[in-house]
Amino acid sequence: MRLNLKVPFAEKDQAKKLGARWDAGRKIWYIEGIGDTGPFARWSPTPHDASPAVPHAPRQAAAKTRDASAKVQIGRNYVALPRVCECLPWEVCDKCRATALTN
């Protein structure tokens, strides 16, 4: 079974020595097939990260919940929106669902 880890860049060498592997496609460290996960406890994901995926609402319903400030701004009009939570950019949790660009 695969377990994704939250390893800070400064600690990547320590995780690698213990047997963690880098998934370049997802850009995340993980362990797989290791019985004792104790040495990786400090990098284990929080309960929020391990929550099961929630089925997404239809695209039309998600579009109605967005406000005008959630539009993608290009070039000189670009404004970075503040982060709502600590989830990965390609994952959508309950906290950031209203500001997500995809459903």
Protein backbone atom coordinates (compact mmCIF):
# COMPACT_ATOMS: atom_id res chain seq x y z
CA MET A 1 0.00 0.00 0.00
CA ARG A 2 1.25 3.45 -0.91
CA LEU A 3 1.50 6.23 1.68
CA ASN A 4 2.18 9.78 0.49
CA LEU A 5 4.45 11.89 2.69
CA LYS A 6 4.83 15.62 3.27
CA VAL A 7 8.60 15.94 3.24
CA PRO A 8 10.10 19.44 3.33
CA PHE A 9 12.84 20.01 0.77
CA ALA A 10 15.45 20.38 3.52
CA GLU A 11 14.65 16.86 4.81
CA LYS A 12 14.45 15.03 1.46
CA ASP A 13 17.82 13.32 1.88
CA GLN A 14 16.80 11.92 5.28
CA ALA A 15 13.56 10.53 3.83
CA LYS A 16 15.43 9.01 0.89
CA LYS A 17 17.90 7.26 3.22
CA LEU A 18 14.98 5.69 5.08
CA GLY A 19 13.49 4.35 1.84
CA ALA A 20 11.08 7.03 0.66
CA ARG A 21 10.74 7.46 -3.09
CA TRP A 22 10.00 10.56 -5.18
CA ASP A 23 6.99 10.56 -7.52
CA ALA A 24 7.98 13.09 -10.19
CA GLY A 25 4.55 13.10 -11.83
CA ARG A 26 2.74 14.06 -8.62
CA LYS A 27 5.76 15.86 -7.11
CA ILE A 28 5.40 14.14 -3.77
CA TRP A 29 7.43 11.72 -1.64
CA TYR A 30 5.90 8.34 -0.81
CA ILE A 31 6.62 4.92 0.70
CA GLU A 32 5.32 1.63 -0.56
CA GLY A 33 5.60 -1.89 0.78
CA ILE A 34 7.25 -0.86 4.06
CA GLY A 35 5.79 -2.58 7.11
CA ASP A 36 7.10 -0.23 9.81
CA THR A 37 6.05 3.34 9.06
CA GLY A 38 7.32 4.64 12.41
CA PRO A 39 10.45 6.33 11.01
CA PHE A 40 8.21 8.27 8.58
CA ALA A 41 5.73 9.47 11.25
CA ARG A 42 6.93 13.09 11.20
CA TRP A 43 6.19 13.29 7.46
CA SER A 44 2.88 11.44 7.55
CA PRO A 45 -0.06 13.34 6.12
CA THR A 46 -2.60 14.96 8.40
CA PRO A 47 -6.11 13.47 8.69
CA HIS A 48 -7.33 16.20 6.30
CA ASP A 49 -4.99 14.92 3.58
CA ALA A 50 -6.06 11.30 4.06
CA SER A 51 -9.77 12.03 3.85
CA PRO A 52 -11.65 10.07 1.18
CA ALA A 53 -12.46 11.84 -2.03
CA VAL A 54 -15.83 13.57 -2.05
CA PRO A 55 -17.82 13.25 -5.27
CA HIS A 56 -17.68 16.50 -7.14
CA ALA A 57 -20.74 18.60 -7.89
CA PRO A 58 -21.71 19.02 -11.53
CA ARG A 59 -19.77 21.65 -13.44
CA GLN A 60 -22.77 24.00 -13.69
CA ALA A 61 -23.38 23.99 -9.94
CA ALA A 62 -19.71 24.71 -9.24
CA ALA A 63 -19.72 27.63 -11.66
CA LYS A 64 -22.63 29.23 -9.82
CA THR A 65 -20.74 29.22 -6.52
CA ARG A 66 -17.80 31.17 -7.91
CA ASP A 67 -17.81 34.92 -7.72
CA ALA A 68 -16.30 37.38 -10.17
CA SER A 69 -13.03 37.59 -8.23
CA ALA A 70 -12.38 33.88 -8.84
CA LYS A 71 -11.85 34.38 -12.58
CA VAL A 72 -8.43 33.61 -14.00
CA GLN A 73 -6.57 36.85 -14.58
CA ILE A 74 -3.86 36.94 -17.22
CA GLY A 75 -0.95 39.34 -17.64
CA ARG A 76 -0.97 42.66 -15.83
CA ASN A 77 -4.44 41.90 -14.39
CA TYR A 78 -3.15 38.85 -12.50
CA VAL A 79 -3.97 38.80 -8.79
CA ALA A 80 -2.85 35.89 -6.64
CA LEU A 81 -5.69 34.67 -4.44
CA PRO A 82 -4.79 33.79 -0.84
CA ARG A 83 -4.54 30.08 0.01
CA VAL A 84 -7.61 28.76 1.79
CA CYS A 85 -6.05 25.53 3.05
CA GLU A 86 -2.92 23.38 2.86
CA CYS A 87 -4.18 20.80 0.35
CA LEU A 88 -2.17 20.11 -2.79
CA PRO A 89 -2.97 22.42 -5.73
CA TRP A 90 -4.49 19.62 -7.84
CA GLU A 91 -6.68 18.30 -5.02
CA VAL A 92 -9.91 20.01 -4.00
CA CYS A 93 -11.03 19.77 -0.38
CA ASP A 94 -14.18 21.10 1.28
CA LYS A 95 -12.42 24.29 2.41
CA CYS A 96 -11.20 25.30 -1.04
CA ARG A 97 -14.07 23.95 -3.18
CA ALA A 98 -15.64 27.42 -3.60
CA THR A 99 -12.45 28.89 -5.07
CA ALA A 100 -11.39 25.86 -7.14
CA LEU A 101 -11.03 26.39 -10.88
CA THR A 102 -12.18 22.85 -11.67
CA ASN A 103 -14.78 20.66 -10.04
